[in-house]
Amino acid sequence: MNKKIKEFQEKLVVIETKADSTEKRLDFIERKNKKEITF
């Protein structure tokens, strides 16, 4: 049982990490778009 919980937590960490990097990428794209609009 505990092993399953541990595996699940590890999967969650991986998902959170991916979500975080996706958010940063979106942030970067948004900033880039704002710069293009400013010009």
N, C-alpha and C. Protein backbone atom coordinates (compact mmCIF):
# COMPACT_ATOMS: atom_id res chain seq x y z
N MET A 1 0.83 -1.21 0.00
CA MET A 1 0.00 0.00 0.00
C MET A 1 0.87 1.26 0.00
N ASN A 2 1.80 1.32 0.94
CA ASN A 2 2.68 2.49 1.02
C ASN A 2 3.48 2.69 -0.26
N LYS A 3 3.87 1.56 -0.88
CA LYS A 3 4.64 1.64 -2.12
C LYS A 3 3.81 2.32 -3.20
N LYS A 4 2.52 1.99 -3.25
CA LYS A 4 1.64 2.60 -4.26
C LYS A 4 1.53 4.10 -4.03
N ILE A 5 1.39 4.49 -2.78
CA ILE A 5 1.27 5.92 -2.45
C ILE A 5 2.54 6.64 -2.87
N LYS A 6 3.68 6.03 -2.59
CA LYS A 6 4.97 6.64 -2.95
C LYS A 6 5.07 6.81 -4.47
N GLU A 7 4.68 5.78 -5.22
CA GLU A 7 4.72 5.86 -6.68
C GLU A 7 3.82 6.99 -7.18
N PHE A 8 2.64 7.09 -6.56
CA PHE A 8 1.68 8.12 -6.96
C PHE A 8 2.26 9.51 -6.70
N GLN A 9 2.90 9.68 -5.55
CA GLN A 9 3.49 10.98 -5.22
C GLN A 9 4.60 11.34 -6.21
N GLU A 10 5.39 10.35 -6.59
CA GLU A 10 6.46 10.60 -7.56
C GLU A 10 5.88 11.03 -8.90
N LYS A 11 4.78 10.39 -9.31
CA LYS A 11 4.13 10.77 -10.56
C LYS A 11 3.62 12.20 -10.48
N LEU A 12 3.05 12.57 -9.33
CA LEU A 12 2.55 13.93 -9.14
C LEU A 12 3.67 14.94 -9.28
N VAL A 13 4.82 14.64 -8.70
CA VAL A 13 5.97 15.54 -8.78
C VAL A 13 6.37 15.75 -10.23
N VAL A 14 6.39 14.66 -11.00
CA VAL A 14 6.75 14.76 -12.42
C VAL A 14 5.75 15.64 -13.15
N ILE A 15 4.46 15.42 -12.88
CA ILE A 15 3.41 16.21 -13.53
C ILE A 15 3.56 17.69 -13.16
N GLU A 16 3.80 17.96 -11.87
CA GLU A 16 3.96 19.35 -11.42
C GLU A 16 5.15 20.01 -12.10
N THR A 17 6.24 19.27 -12.23
CA THR A 17 7.44 19.81 -12.87
C THR A 17 7.15 20.16 -14.33
N LYS A 18 6.45 19.25 -15.02
CA LYS A 18 6.10 19.51 -16.42
C LYS A 18 5.20 20.72 -16.53
N ALA A 19 4.21 20.81 -15.64
CA ALA A 19 3.28 21.94 -15.67
C ALA A 19 4.04 23.24 -15.44
N ASP A 20 5.01 23.21 -14.53
CA ASP A 20 5.79 24.41 -14.22
C ASP A 20 6.58 24.87 -15.44
N SER A 21 7.22 23.95 -16.12
CA SER A 21 8.02 24.34 -17.29
C SER A 21 7.12 24.81 -18.42
N THR A 22 5.92 24.22 -18.53
CA THR A 22 4.98 24.67 -19.56
C THR A 22 4.54 26.10 -19.26
N GLU A 23 4.27 26.38 -17.96
CA GLU A 23 3.86 27.72 -17.55
C GLU A 23 4.95 28.73 -17.90
N LYS A 24 6.20 28.38 -17.61
CA LYS A 24 7.31 29.29 -17.91
C LYS A 24 7.40 29.55 -19.40
N ARG A 25 7.18 28.49 -20.20
CA ARG A 25 7.24 28.64 -21.65
C ARG A 25 6.14 29.58 -22.12
N LEU A 26 4.93 29.40 -21.57
CA LEU A 26 3.81 30.27 -21.94
C LEU A 26 4.11 31.71 -21.56
N ASP A 27 4.68 31.89 -20.36
CA ASP A 27 5.07 33.21 -19.89
C ASP A 27 6.01 33.87 -20.88
N PHE A 28 7.01 33.10 -21.32
CA PHE A 28 8.01 33.59 -22.26
C PHE A 28 7.36 33.99 -23.58
N ILE A 29 6.45 33.14 -24.08
CA ILE A 29 5.77 33.44 -25.35
C ILE A 29 4.94 34.71 -25.21
N GLU A 30 4.24 34.84 -24.08
CA GLU A 30 3.42 36.04 -23.85
C GLU A 30 4.28 37.29 -23.86
N ARG A 31 5.41 37.23 -23.16
CA ARG A 31 6.31 38.39 -23.11
C ARG A 31 6.82 38.73 -24.50
N LYS A 32 7.17 37.70 -25.27
CA LYS A 32 7.67 37.89 -26.62
C LYS A 32 6.59 38.58 -27.47
N ASN A 33 5.35 38.11 -27.34
CA ASN A 33 4.25 38.69 -28.10
C ASN A 33 4.04 40.15 -27.72
N LYS A 34 4.13 40.45 -26.42
CA LYS A 34 3.96 41.84 -25.97
C LYS A 34 5.03 42.73 -26.56
N LYS A 35 6.26 42.22 -26.62
CA LYS A 35 7.36 42.99 -27.21
C LYS A 35 7.08 43.27 -28.68
N GLU A 36 6.58 42.27 -29.39
CA GLU A 36 6.29 42.45 -30.82
C GLU A 36 5.18 43.47 -31.02
N ILE A 37 4.20 43.46 -30.12
CA ILE A 37 3.08 44.40 -30.23
C ILE A 37 3.58 45.82 -29.94
N THR A 38 4.53 45.94 -29.01
CA THR A 38 5.03 47.26 -28.61
C THR A 38 5.71 47.97 -29.77
N PHE A 39 6.41 47.21 -30.61
CA PHE A 39 7.16 47.84 -31.70
C PHE A 39 6.27 48.46 -32.75
